[in-house]
């Protein structure tokens, strides 16, 4: 009799990366499928029956747990709250839990400590599944599974199984995902990728990648596909070889996919790669720019971002422009809080000059296992474990700048980047599209669902706080760059997500800071607000956020009410 394995992907909190408010325009429930679990599913033998539940798309039902003999989870740090709830549900149903992925690999001891005494994770699997899953499954079959497995030696991935796309409904997702490589040759101080996957990039073969593209095409998917490598060009030779075959595949199939990926800044120096990426219909690449400041980049071992002239801002701007000249949008990560950065107007100026609409700007966090974590520990600057979120306005270490000053600067930066005025997001969109070369292979035609999304965008955004900037942006693109009008609409819808998320994030932060300050003051008999004033501020905060953020308003208010209000 087959054993039943229930694969559970815990929920992600709303964030910049989630695109939650943008996905609502096209009736999608999640941005990306759980590729890690789909890959793990491909490793199971036929003696197991599989079912996958993605909590970002659907709830975990009692009947799922009744069906399961064992539950497998894969999670990142930011999914911890959801993972703990999954463990509680599984324990209550008597279903053993096997936990793997980056989060348990890095923090399995801390994760066990955070569980309530009556709850448990039965088996931890550390590291990459290809090297150890068969042993785990054999032990589960024989009833002799151990509490801890791995990590095993890093496996080659040239023969790993196809992801099991049949376990999901692709229509629920905004973007599909594939992976070509693991590992990165660079060793940025704050990054845990080399800790998890090593500095020698391991790659799949062209045959594998074409098989995965075929499998994805067979599901009926048409649209965006994210190659989720942390650095797609970590092995430049293998990347070039596989791209040449992907180019032929796209040509044979009429360009059904628009491709995206992540890469290091030195991509801009690699003309053969850029040329074939353009011919493969790549539409976007994410770069880890982090900062335009030379001292900050040196401190965090980002020498590849500095350039030979030692003028990082000019070097980085030239890199962005070169990539844009191939019809590939540059999105980028920026970090507030690196040692050596003493001001952040330079960040804002660079982002606006470069025309980077999607500038994922987050506070620096010290992740366990990274060189940054070790250094800050030696310096006595660590405070707490990281929550792994890019929306929490908090630090888990003592920065060089005064903490309050740095946090205030972060609020100012994200508020400026995603403000609804003409000088914010839409101006960067215009700059980017002005420099973006026309794309020869836009792929499939626009579907009716996307037409409805455009109509909804006009209805919601034209009469919102973004209205004036939104209208001017679309008019400018329609008049001067009409070949980019479809891309302009996609960017406009994403802008709705960024503005709404940022506004609510700042509202939550403002309210919780007010409660913290008032609570501290009241302990010394110096409260600045009456009880009624606090209640009124709470009412206004609740009105300013939607249901997704309410718990972040309600929880601190409940604590404050218990301690200070009659």
Protein backbone atom coordinates (compact mmCIF):
# COMPACT_ATOMS: atom_id res chain seq x y z
CA UNK A 1 0.00 0.00 0.00
CA UNK A 2 1.28 3.46 -0.89
CA UNK A 3 2.18 5.87 1.87
CA UNK A 4 0.61 9.32 1.63
CA UNK A 5 2.91 12.36 1.77
CA UNK A 6 1.30 15.76 2.24
CA UNK A 7 3.62 18.54 1.04
CA UNK A 8 2.77 21.83 2.76
CA UNK A 9 4.12 25.24 1.79
CA UNK A 10 3.62 27.70 4.70
CA UNK A 11 2.18 31.14 3.98
CA UNK A 12 4.31 34.18 3.28
CA UNK A 13 3.35 37.46 4.93
CA UNK A 14 2.46 40.31 2.61
CA UNK A 15 5.59 42.08 1.35
CA UNK A 16 7.02 43.98 -1.59
CA UNK A 17 7.89 40.65 -3.22
CA UNK A 18 4.41 39.20 -2.75
CA UNK A 19 2.78 41.63 -5.24
CA UNK A 20 -0.45 40.92 -3.38
CA UNK A 21 -2.39 44.02 -4.43
CA UNK A 22 -1.18 43.76 -8.04
CA UNK A 23 -2.17 40.09 -8.31
CA UNK A 24 -5.73 41.00 -7.40
CA UNK A 25 -6.01 42.82 -10.73
CA UNK A 26 -5.58 39.49 -12.58
CA UNK A 27 -7.34 37.24 -10.03
CA UNK A 28 -4.17 35.43 -8.99
CA UNK A 29 -3.58 34.23 -5.44
CA UNK A 30 0.21 34.02 -5.19
CA UNK A 31 3.17 35.39 -7.09
CA UNK A 32 5.29 32.22 -7.34
CA UNK A 33 4.67 28.51 -6.80
CA UNK A 34 6.67 26.61 -4.14
CA UNK A 35 9.38 25.39 -6.51
CA UNK A 36 11.40 23.82 -3.70
CA UNK A 37 8.56 21.48 -2.75
CA UNK A 38 7.75 20.76 -6.41
CA UNK A 39 11.39 19.76 -6.91
CA UNK A 40 11.34 17.59 -3.79
CA UNK A 41 8.13 15.97 -5.05
CA UNK A 42 9.97 14.90 -8.19
CA UNK A 43 12.39 12.90 -6.03
CA UNK A 44 9.71 10.68 -4.46
CA UNK A 45 9.44 7.11 -5.76
CA UNK A 46 6.16 5.75 -7.12
CA UNK A 47 5.55 3.95 -3.81
CA UNK A 48 4.37 7.29 -2.37
CA UNK A 49 1.15 9.14 -3.15
CA UNK A 50 1.60 12.92 -3.08
CA UNK A 51 -0.63 15.88 -2.41
CA UNK A 52 0.57 19.50 -2.21
CA UNK A 53 -1.11 22.30 -0.26
CA UNK A 54 0.23 25.82 -0.80
CA UNK A 55 -1.15 27.95 2.02
CA UNK A 56 -0.58 31.03 -0.12
CA UNK A 57 -3.30 29.69 -2.43
CA UNK A 58 -5.59 27.49 -0.35
CA UNK A 59 -6.19 26.53 3.29
CA UNK A 60 -4.99 23.36 4.98
CA UNK A 61 -8.13 21.25 5.40
CA UNK A 62 -8.86 18.60 7.98
CA UNK A 63 -9.43 16.08 5.18
CA UNK A 64 -5.88 16.73 3.92
CA UNK A 65 -4.51 15.80 7.33
CA UNK A 66 -6.79 12.75 7.57
CA UNK A 67 -5.42 11.58 4.19
CA UNK A 68 -1.75 12.06 5.14
CA UNK A 69 0.65 9.56 6.70
CA UNK A 70 3.36 12.21 7.02
CA UNK A 71 3.66 15.95 6.27
CA UNK A 72 6.68 17.50 4.56
CA UNK A 73 7.28 21.26 4.83
CA UNK A 74 9.86 23.54 3.25
CA UNK A 75 10.18 27.08 4.56
CA UNK A 76 12.14 30.32 4.67
CA UNK A 77 12.64 32.35 7.84
CA UNK A 78 9.86 34.77 6.94
CA UNK A 79 7.38 31.86 6.87
CA UNK A 80 8.05 30.88 10.50
CA UNK A 81 4.72 32.00 11.97
CA UNK A 82 2.81 29.99 9.40
CA UNK A 83 5.12 26.99 9.83
CA UNK A 84 4.49 26.93 13.58
CA UNK A 85 0.75 26.89 12.92
CA UNK A 86 1.19 24.05 10.42
CA UNK A 87 3.13 22.05 13.01
CA UNK A 88 0.36 22.65 15.56
CA UNK A 89 -2.30 21.42 13.11
CA UNK A 90 -0.29 18.34 12.16
CA UNK A 91 0.47 17.47 15.77
CA UNK A 92 -3.20 17.76 16.63
CA UNK A 93 -4.08 15.37 13.82
CA UNK A 94 -1.33 12.90 14.72
CA UNK A 95 0.58 13.47 11.46
CA UNK A 96 4.40 13.38 11.79
CA UNK A 97 6.17 16.49 10.46
CA UNK A 98 9.34 16.52 8.35
CA UNK A 99 10.78 20.05 8.06
CA UNK A 100 13.36 21.15 5.51
CA UNK A 101 14.38 24.18 3.50
CA UNK A 102 16.60 27.20 4.23
CA UNK A 103 14.90 28.10 7.53
CA UNK A 104 15.26 24.74 9.33
CA UNK A 105 18.71 24.26 7.78
CA UNK A 106 20.00 27.44 9.37
CA UNK A 107 17.90 27.59 12.53
CA UNK A 108 16.58 24.14 13.46
CA UNK A 109 17.63 24.47 17.12
CA UNK A 110 16.05 27.91 17.46
CA UNK A 111 12.94 26.70 15.64
CA UNK A 112 12.51 23.80 18.07
CA UNK A 113 12.87 26.20 20.99
CA UNK A 114 10.09 28.43 19.64
CA UNK A 115 7.57 25.60 19.51
CA UNK A 116 5.15 25.28 22.40
CA UNK A 117 6.10 22.42 24.78
CA UNK A 118 3.28 20.24 23.50
CA UNK A 119 4.29 20.68 19.84
CA UNK A 120 7.17 19.16 17.91
CA UNK A 121 8.80 18.75 14.52
CA UNK A 122 9.49 15.03 14.28
CA UNK A 123 12.27 15.07 11.69
CA UNK A 124 14.57 17.86 10.43
CA UNK A 125 16.19 17.49 7.01
CA UNK A 126 19.07 19.92 6.62
CA UNK A 127 20.58 20.95 3.30
CA UNK A 128 19.56 20.01 -0.23
CA UNK A 129 17.06 17.19 -0.64
CA UNK A 130 18.79 15.40 -3.55
CA UNK A 131 21.56 14.17 -1.29
CA UNK A 132 19.45 12.76 1.51
CA UNK A 133 15.74 12.38 0.77
CA UNK A 134 15.93 8.74 -0.33
CA UNK A 135 17.39 7.79 3.06
CA UNK A 136 14.69 9.75 4.88
CA UNK A 137 11.94 8.02 2.89
CA UNK A 138 13.42 4.56 3.46
CA UNK A 139 13.60 5.22 7.20
CA UNK A 140 10.02 6.49 7.27
CA UNK A 141 8.88 3.35 5.47
CA UNK A 142 10.68 1.13 7.99
CA UNK A 143 9.55 3.16 11.01
CA UNK A 144 13.14 4.03 11.97
CA UNK A 145 13.37 7.68 10.93
CA UNK A 146 15.81 9.80 12.93
CA UNK A 147 15.10 13.26 14.40
CA UNK A 148 17.88 14.90 12.34
CA UNK A 149 19.31 14.30 8.86
CA UNK A 150 22.21 16.02 7.15
CA UNK A 151 23.38 18.19 5.85
CA UNK A 152 24.87 15.85 3.27
CA UNK A 153 27.51 16.85 0.74
CA UNK A 154 26.17 19.32 -1.78
CA UNK A 155 24.77 17.29 -4.67
CA UNK A 156 25.38 17.87 -8.33
CA UNK A 157 22.08 18.86 -9.91
CA UNK A 158 22.77 17.68 -13.45
CA UNK A 159 20.39 14.76 -13.07
CA UNK A 160 17.79 16.00 -10.57
CA UNK A 161 14.18 15.12 -11.33
CA UNK A 162 11.63 17.32 -13.07
CA UNK A 163 9.54 19.50 -10.75
CA UNK A 164 6.03 18.07 -10.29
CA UNK A 165 4.01 20.89 -11.85
CA UNK A 166 1.00 18.55 -11.96
CA UNK A 167 0.60 19.04 -8.18
CA UNK A 168 -0.41 22.71 -8.54
CA UNK A 169 -2.87 24.79 -10.52
CA UNK A 170 -0.67 27.21 -12.49
CA UNK A 171 -3.64 29.52 -13.02
CA UNK A 172 -3.43 30.52 -9.34
CA UNK A 173 0.02 32.08 -9.79
CA UNK A 174 1.30 35.27 -11.34
CA UNK A 175 4.65 33.83 -12.44
CA UNK A 176 6.02 30.32 -12.87
CA UNK A 177 9.47 29.34 -11.60
CA UNK A 178 12.41 27.21 -12.75
CA UNK A 179 15.96 26.88 -11.46
CA UNK A 180 19.14 26.50 -13.51
CA UNK A 181 21.89 26.73 -10.89
CA UNK A 182 22.69 26.81 -7.18
CA UNK A 183 25.55 28.69 -5.56
CA UNK A 184 27.36 31.96 -6.22
CA UNK A 185 31.06 32.73 -6.75
CA UNK A 186 30.83 35.95 -4.74
CA UNK A 187 30.77 36.02 -0.96
CA UNK A 188 28.92 39.17 0.08
CA UNK A 189 29.20 39.60 3.84
CA UNK A 190 25.45 39.78 4.55
CA UNK A 191 24.35 36.97 2.20
CA UNK A 192 23.60 33.39 3.27
CA UNK A 193 23.50 31.93 -0.25
CA UNK A 194 27.08 30.70 -0.12
CA UNK A 195 26.39 29.25 3.33
CA UNK A 196 23.46 27.26 1.97
CA UNK A 197 24.66 26.43 -1.53
CA UNK A 198 28.40 27.11 -1.71
CA UNK A 199 30.61 29.30 -3.88
CA UNK A 200 30.94 26.83 -6.77
CA UNK A 201 27.83 27.26 -8.91
CA UNK A 202 26.32 23.89 -9.83
CA UNK A 203 24.22 23.86 -12.98
CA UNK A 204 21.65 21.79 -14.81
CA UNK A 205 22.21 20.62 -18.35
CA UNK A 206 20.53 22.08 -21.40
CA UNK A 207 18.62 18.82 -21.76
CA UNK A 208 17.20 19.23 -18.26
CA UNK A 209 16.20 22.85 -18.77
CA UNK A 210 14.51 22.10 -22.09
CA UNK A 211 12.62 19.23 -20.43
CA UNK A 212 11.45 21.57 -17.69
CA UNK A 213 10.35 24.17 -20.23
CA UNK A 214 8.46 21.46 -22.11
CA UNK A 215 6.80 20.30 -18.88
CA UNK A 216 5.77 23.84 -18.03
CA UNK A 217 4.43 24.43 -21.53
CA UNK A 218 2.40 21.21 -21.28
CA UNK A 219 0.53 22.59 -18.27
CA UNK A 220 -0.93 25.28 -20.52
CA UNK A 221 1.11 28.04 -18.90
CA UNK A 222 1.89 31.07 -21.04
CA UNK A 223 3.52 34.17 -19.61
CA UNK A 224 6.35 35.02 -17.21
CA UNK A 225 8.85 32.45 -15.97
CA UNK A 226 11.35 33.36 -13.24
CA UNK A 227 14.67 31.53 -13.23
CA UNK A 228 15.12 31.75 -9.49
CA UNK A 229 18.90 31.31 -9.40
CA UNK A 230 20.54 33.60 -6.87
CA UNK A 231 23.09 34.43 -9.56
CA UNK A 232 22.16 33.08 -12.99
CA UNK A 233 25.60 33.95 -14.40
CA UNK A 234 27.60 32.44 -11.52
CA UNK A 235 28.89 29.94 -14.10
CA UNK A 236 29.09 32.12 -17.19
CA UNK A 237 30.11 29.34 -19.57
CA UNK A 238 27.24 27.03 -18.64
CA UNK A 239 24.77 29.93 -18.64
CA UNK A 240 25.75 30.84 -22.19
CA UNK A 241 25.44 27.24 -23.37
CA UNK A 242 21.98 26.73 -21.89
CA UNK A 243 20.74 30.10 -23.15
CA UNK A 244 21.64 29.19 -26.73
CA UNK A 245 19.41 26.13 -26.48
CA UNK A 246 16.62 28.07 -24.74
CA UNK A 247 16.76 30.57 -27.60
CA UNK A 248 16.08 27.79 -30.11
CA UNK A 249 13.31 26.38 -27.91
CA UNK A 250 11.60 29.78 -27.69
CA UNK A 251 11.82 30.17 -31.46
CA UNK A 252 10.31 26.72 -32.08
CA UNK A 253 7.44 27.35 -29.69
CA UNK A 254 6.59 30.91 -30.68
CA UNK A 255 8.03 32.60 -27.56
CA UNK A 256 5.41 31.45 -25.03
CA UNK A 257 7.46 32.63 -22.06
CA UNK A 258 8.87 35.95 -20.96
CA UNK A 259 11.94 35.14 -18.84
CA UNK A 260 13.31 36.82 -15.72
CA UNK A 261 16.20 36.08 -13.40
CA UNK A 262 18.71 37.39 -10.84
CA UNK A 263 22.35 38.15 -11.63
CA UNK A 264 25.41 40.01 -10.43
CA UNK A 265 26.22 43.46 -11.81
CA UNK A 266 29.06 42.12 -13.97
CA UNK A 267 26.36 40.85 -16.35
CA UNK A 268 26.61 44.30 -17.96
CA UNK A 269 30.17 43.48 -19.09
CA UNK A 270 29.17 40.23 -20.81
CA UNK A 271 27.87 41.16 -24.26
CA UNK A 272 27.45 37.58 -25.55
CA UNK A 273 25.24 36.74 -22.57
CA UNK A 274 23.18 39.90 -22.91
CA UNK A 275 22.67 39.29 -26.61
CA UNK A 276 21.38 35.77 -26.15
CA UNK A 277 19.25 36.82 -23.15
CA UNK A 278 17.60 39.40 -25.40
CA UNK A 279 17.06 36.71 -28.06
CA UNK A 280 15.58 34.37 -25.42
CA UNK A 281 12.97 37.03 -24.52
CA UNK A 282 14.32 38.00 -21.12
CA UNK A 283 12.30 40.94 -19.88
CA UNK A 284 13.82 41.56 -16.42
CA UNK A 285 16.91 40.93 -14.34
CA UNK A 286 17.28 41.62 -10.62
CA UNK A 287 20.65 43.02 -9.54
CA UNK A 288 22.01 43.26 -6.01
CA UNK A 289 23.21 46.87 -6.16
CA UNK A 290 22.86 47.47 -2.37
CA UNK A 291 24.44 50.96 -2.27
CA UNK A 292 26.12 53.53 -4.52
CA UNK A 293 28.68 54.20 -1.74
CA UNK A 294 32.20 52.81 -2.18
CA UNK A 295 32.94 52.42 1.54
CA UNK A 296 29.71 50.53 2.19
CA UNK A 297 30.31 48.24 -0.80
CA UNK A 298 33.86 47.49 0.32
CA UNK A 299 32.74 46.82 3.88
CA UNK A 300 30.26 44.21 2.67
CA UNK A 301 32.62 42.63 0.12
CA UNK A 302 30.76 43.87 -2.97
CA UNK A 303 33.89 44.68 -4.95
CA UNK A 304 32.17 43.56 -8.15
CA UNK A 305 29.92 46.63 -7.83
CA UNK A 306 32.68 49.22 -7.57
CA UNK A 307 34.33 49.21 -10.98
CA UNK A 308 37.90 49.93 -11.93
CA UNK A 309 37.51 53.71 -11.73
CA UNK A 310 36.39 53.47 -8.08
CA UNK A 311 33.30 55.55 -8.74
CA UNK A 312 30.56 53.05 -7.91
CA UNK A 313 27.61 55.30 -8.74
CA UNK A 314 28.89 55.94 -12.27
CA UNK A 315 29.90 52.31 -12.76
CA UNK A 316 26.53 51.05 -11.57
CA UNK A 317 24.60 53.59 -13.63
CA UNK A 318 26.49 52.53 -16.76
CA UNK A 319 25.72 48.88 -15.96
CA UNK A 320 22.00 49.57 -15.62
CA UNK A 321 21.92 51.56 -18.86
CA UNK A 322 23.74 48.81 -20.76
CA UNK A 323 21.32 46.12 -19.62
CA UNK A 324 18.35 48.34 -20.42
CA UNK A 325 19.77 48.85 -23.92
CA UNK A 326 19.10 45.15 -24.55
CA UNK A 327 15.40 45.55 -23.74
CA UNK A 328 15.81 44.08 -20.24
CA UNK A 329 14.35 45.94 -17.28
CA UNK A 330 16.61 46.24 -14.24
CA UNK A 331 15.06 45.79 -10.84
CA UNK A 332 17.43 45.96 -7.91
CA UNK A 333 17.99 45.43 -4.23
CA UNK A 334 19.21 48.23 -1.96
CA UNK A 335 20.19 48.00 1.69
CA UNK A 336 19.81 50.63 4.37
CA UNK A 337 22.19 50.12 7.28
CA UNK A 338 25.48 48.97 5.78
CA UNK A 339 28.54 50.09 7.72
CA UNK A 340 30.03 53.00 5.80
CA UNK A 341 26.76 54.51 4.55
CA UNK A 342 26.19 57.74 6.47
CA UNK A 343 23.50 59.30 4.26
CA UNK A 344 20.84 58.01 1.90
CA UNK A 345 20.06 60.87 -0.47
CA UNK A 346 22.69 59.24 -2.70
CA UNK A 347 20.56 56.07 -2.77
CA UNK A 348 17.48 58.01 -3.82
CA UNK A 349 19.38 60.03 -6.40
CA UNK A 350 20.90 56.91 -7.94
CA UNK A 351 17.60 54.99 -8.09
CA UNK A 352 15.86 57.92 -9.79
CA UNK A 353 18.70 58.65 -12.26
CA UNK A 354 19.01 54.99 -13.23
CA UNK A 355 15.26 54.58 -13.71
CA UNK A 356 14.78 51.58 -11.44
CA UNK A 357 11.03 51.50 -10.75
CA UNK A 358 11.17 48.37 -8.59
CA UNK A 359 13.85 49.25 -6.06
CA UNK A 360 13.53 46.64 -3.32
CA UNK A 361 14.92 48.64 -0.43
CA UNK A 362 15.23 46.92 2.91
CA UNK A 363 16.95 47.28 6.24
CA UNK A 364 20.13 45.29 6.68
CA UNK A 365 19.61 42.10 8.67
CA UNK A 366 22.25 39.80 10.12
CA UNK A 367 21.38 36.22 9.18
CA UNK A 368 22.85 33.36 11.17
CA UNK A 369 25.77 31.71 9.41
CA UNK A 370 26.82 34.77 7.42
CA UNK A 371 30.13 36.56 7.87
CA UNK A 372 28.15 39.66 8.85
CA UNK A 373 26.50 37.75 11.71
CA UNK A 374 29.89 36.49 12.91
CA UNK A 375 31.47 39.94 12.75
CA UNK A 376 28.64 41.67 14.57
CA UNK A 377 28.72 38.93 17.21
CA UNK A 378 32.45 39.55 17.74
CA UNK A 379 31.80 43.27 17.99
CA UNK A 380 28.97 42.80 20.50
CA UNK A 381 26.44 44.39 18.15
CA UNK A 382 23.93 41.55 17.71
CA UNK A 383 20.55 42.00 19.39
CA UNK A 384 18.15 39.31 18.13
CA UNK A 385 17.51 36.73 15.44
CA UNK A 386 16.29 37.94 12.06
CA UNK A 387 12.62 37.69 11.12
CA UNK A 388 13.61 37.51 7.44
CA UNK A 389 11.05 40.15 6.40
CA UNK A 390 11.60 43.10 4.08
CA UNK A 391 8.68 45.03 5.56
CA UNK A 392 9.49 45.06 9.28
CA UNK A 393 10.97 48.39 10.35
CA UNK A 394 13.33 46.92 12.90
CA UNK A 395 16.99 45.99 13.26
CA UNK A 396 18.51 42.90 14.84
CA UNK A 397 21.87 44.61 15.43
CA UNK A 398 23.31 47.93 16.52
CA UNK A 399 24.14 50.02 13.44
CA UNK A 400 26.98 52.52 13.11
CA UNK A 401 24.52 55.38 12.82
CA UNK A 402 22.24 56.03 15.81
CA UNK A 403 19.43 53.49 15.63
CA UNK A 404 16.61 56.05 15.69
CA UNK A 405 18.27 58.08 12.93
CA UNK A 406 18.77 55.04 10.69
CA UNK A 407 15.19 53.85 11.10
CA UNK A 408 13.90 57.36 10.38
CA UNK A 409 16.00 57.43 7.21
CA UNK A 410 14.59 54.08 6.13
CA UNK A 411 11.05 55.37 6.56
CA UNK A 412 11.94 58.45 4.53
CA UNK A 413 13.55 56.43 1.74
CA UNK A 414 10.68 53.99 1.18
CA UNK A 415 8.13 56.77 1.59
CA UNK A 416 9.93 58.76 -1.10
CA UNK A 417 10.36 55.82 -3.46
CA UNK A 418 6.70 54.85 -3.47
CA UNK A 419 4.95 58.14 -2.86
CA UNK A 420 2.01 58.74 -5.23
CA UNK A 421 3.35 62.05 -6.53
CA UNK A 422 4.85 62.80 -9.94
CA UNK A 423 8.39 62.69 -8.52
CA UNK A 424 8.19 59.10 -7.27
CA UNK A 425 7.56 55.73 -8.81
CA UNK A 426 6.03 56.80 -12.13
CA UNK A 427 8.87 59.15 -12.94
CA UNK A 428 11.29 56.25 -12.56
CA UNK A 429 9.06 54.16 -14.82
CA UNK A 430 9.22 56.85 -17.48
CA UNK A 431 13.01 57.08 -17.21
CA UNK A 432 13.37 53.31 -17.51
CA UNK A 433 11.07 52.99 -20.52
CA UNK A 434 12.85 55.88 -22.22
CA UNK A 435 16.10 53.90 -22.07
CA UNK A 436 14.62 50.43 -22.60
CA UNK A 437 15.24 49.13 -26.10
CA UNK A 438 12.18 47.81 -27.95
CA UNK A 439 11.71 44.08 -27.49
CA UNK A 440 11.60 41.93 -30.58
CA UNK A 441 9.93 38.97 -28.87
CA UNK A 442 7.09 40.12 -26.66
CA UNK A 443 5.68 36.60 -26.89
CA UNK A 444 1.97 35.89 -26.57
CA UNK A 445 -0.78 38.39 -27.23
CA UNK A 446 -2.72 40.11 -24.46
CA UNK A 447 -5.51 37.97 -23.05
CA UNK A 448 -8.99 39.06 -21.99
CA UNK A 449 -8.04 38.65 -18.31
CA UNK A 450 -5.30 41.22 -18.83
CA UNK A 451 -7.70 43.57 -20.62
CA UNK A 452 -9.93 43.37 -17.54
CA UNK A 453 -6.89 44.10 -15.38
CA UNK A 454 -6.14 47.21 -17.42
CA UNK A 455 -9.72 48.42 -17.13
CA UNK A 456 -9.65 47.84 -13.38
CA UNK A 457 -6.33 49.69 -13.16
CA UNK A 458 -7.82 52.74 -14.88
CA UNK A 459 -10.88 52.66 -12.63
CA UNK A 460 -8.94 52.27 -9.37
CA UNK A 461 -5.75 54.22 -10.01
CA UNK A 462 -6.99 57.15 -12.07
CA UNK A 463 -9.21 58.27 -9.20
CA UNK A 464 -6.78 57.41 -6.39
CA UNK A 465 -4.02 59.42 -4.73
CA UNK A 466 -1.85 58.20 -7.61
CA UNK A 467 -4.26 59.62 -10.18
CA UNK A 468 -2.35 62.63 -11.51
CA UNK A 469 1.00 60.84 -11.73
CA UNK A 470 -0.65 57.73 -13.19
CA UNK A 471 -2.44 59.68 -15.94
CA UNK A 472 0.61 61.71 -16.87
CA UNK A 473 2.77 58.58 -16.99
CA UNK A 474 0.45 56.68 -19.32
CA UNK A 475 -0.07 59.72 -21.54
CA UNK A 476 3.69 60.25 -21.84
CA UNK A 477 4.35 56.61 -22.76
CA UNK A 478 1.41 56.46 -25.20
CA UNK A 479 2.64 59.58 -26.95
CA UNK A 480 6.41 59.07 -27.04
CA UNK A 481 6.98 55.33 -26.49
CA UNK A 482 3.80 53.54 -27.64
CA UNK A 483 5.71 50.28 -28.19
CA UNK A 484 6.11 50.12 -24.39
CA UNK A 485 2.47 50.81 -23.51
CA UNK A 486 1.71 47.22 -22.43
CA UNK A 487 4.79 47.24 -20.19
CA UNK A 488 3.72 50.64 -18.83
CA UNK A 489 0.37 49.19 -17.77
CA UNK A 490 2.08 46.29 -15.99
CA UNK A 491 4.34 48.72 -14.17
CA UNK A 492 1.39 50.91 -13.22
CA UNK A 493 -0.40 47.98 -11.63
CA UNK A 494 2.74 47.01 -9.70
CA UNK A 495 2.99 50.61 -8.56
CA UNK A 496 -0.45 50.30 -7.00
CA UNK A 497 0.86 47.42 -4.89
CA UNK A 498 4.00 49.26 -3.81
CA UNK A 499 2.19 52.47 -2.84
CA UNK A 500 -0.58 50.71 -0.92
CA UNK A 501 1.82 48.38 0.88
CA UNK A 502 4.22 51.16 1.84
CA UNK A 503 1.43 53.43 3.08
CA UNK A 504 0.06 50.72 5.36
CA UNK A 505 3.50 49.60 6.49
CA UNK A 506 4.32 53.15 7.59
CA UNK A 507 0.93 53.50 9.30
CA UNK A 508 1.53 50.34 11.34
CA UNK A 509 5.01 51.52 12.25
CA UNK A 510 3.77 54.98 13.28
CA UNK A 511 1.04 53.55 15.47
CA UNK A 512 3.20 50.95 17.18
CA UNK A 513 5.92 53.52 17.88
CA UNK A 514 3.33 55.83 19.43
CA UNK A 515 2.14 53.03 21.72
CA UNK A 516 5.69 52.06 22.67
CA UNK A 517 6.60 55.67 23.51
CA UNK A 518 3.37 56.26 25.42
CA UNK A 519 3.74 53.00 27.33
CA UNK A 520 7.27 53.91 28.40
CA UNK A 521 6.17 57.40 29.41
CA UNK A 522 3.23 56.11 31.47
CA UNK A 523 5.48 53.83 33.48
CA UNK A 524 7.13 56.99 34.77
CA UNK A 525 3.85 58.90 35.14
CA UNK A 526 4.52 61.14 32.13
CA UNK A 527 1.96 59.99 29.57
CA UNK A 528 1.32 62.51 26.77
CA UNK A 529 -2.08 61.24 25.61
CA UNK A 530 -5.42 60.62 27.28
CA UNK A 531 -7.04 57.20 27.07
CA UNK A 532 -9.62 58.59 24.65
CA UNK A 533 -6.90 60.04 22.43
CA UNK A 534 -5.19 56.64 22.24
CA UNK A 535 -8.48 54.96 21.39
CA UNK A 536 -9.15 57.53 18.66
CA UNK A 537 -5.67 57.01 17.21
CA UNK A 538 -6.32 53.26 17.20
CA UNK A 539 -9.61 53.80 15.37
CA UNK A 540 -7.90 55.89 12.69
CA UNK A 541 -5.11 53.34 12.32
CA UNK A 542 -7.67 50.58 11.78
CA UNK A 543 -9.35 52.65 9.07
CA UNK A 544 -6.01 53.23 7.34
CA UNK A 545 -5.14 49.55 6.85
CA UNK A 546 -6.90 46.54 5.42
CA UNK A 547 -7.50 43.12 6.97
CA UNK A 548 -4.00 41.90 6.09
CA UNK A 549 -2.45 44.48 8.41
CA UNK A 550 -5.04 44.57 11.17
CA UNK A 551 -3.26 42.08 13.41
CA UNK A 552 -0.22 44.37 13.43
CA UNK A 553 -2.49 47.11 14.80
CA UNK A 554 -4.59 44.94 17.11
CA UNK A 555 -1.80 43.03 18.85
CA UNK A 556 0.13 46.05 20.20
CA UNK A 557 -3.16 47.75 21.10
CA UNK A 558 -4.24 44.68 23.09
CA UNK A 559 -0.96 44.74 25.02
CA UNK A 560 -1.30 48.46 25.65
CA UNK A 561 -4.93 48.10 26.73
CA UNK A 562 -4.04 45.30 29.16
CA UNK A 563 -1.27 47.33 30.76
CA UNK A 564 -2.59 50.88 30.70
CA UNK A 565 -6.29 51.21 29.86
CA UNK A 566 -9.18 50.63 32.23
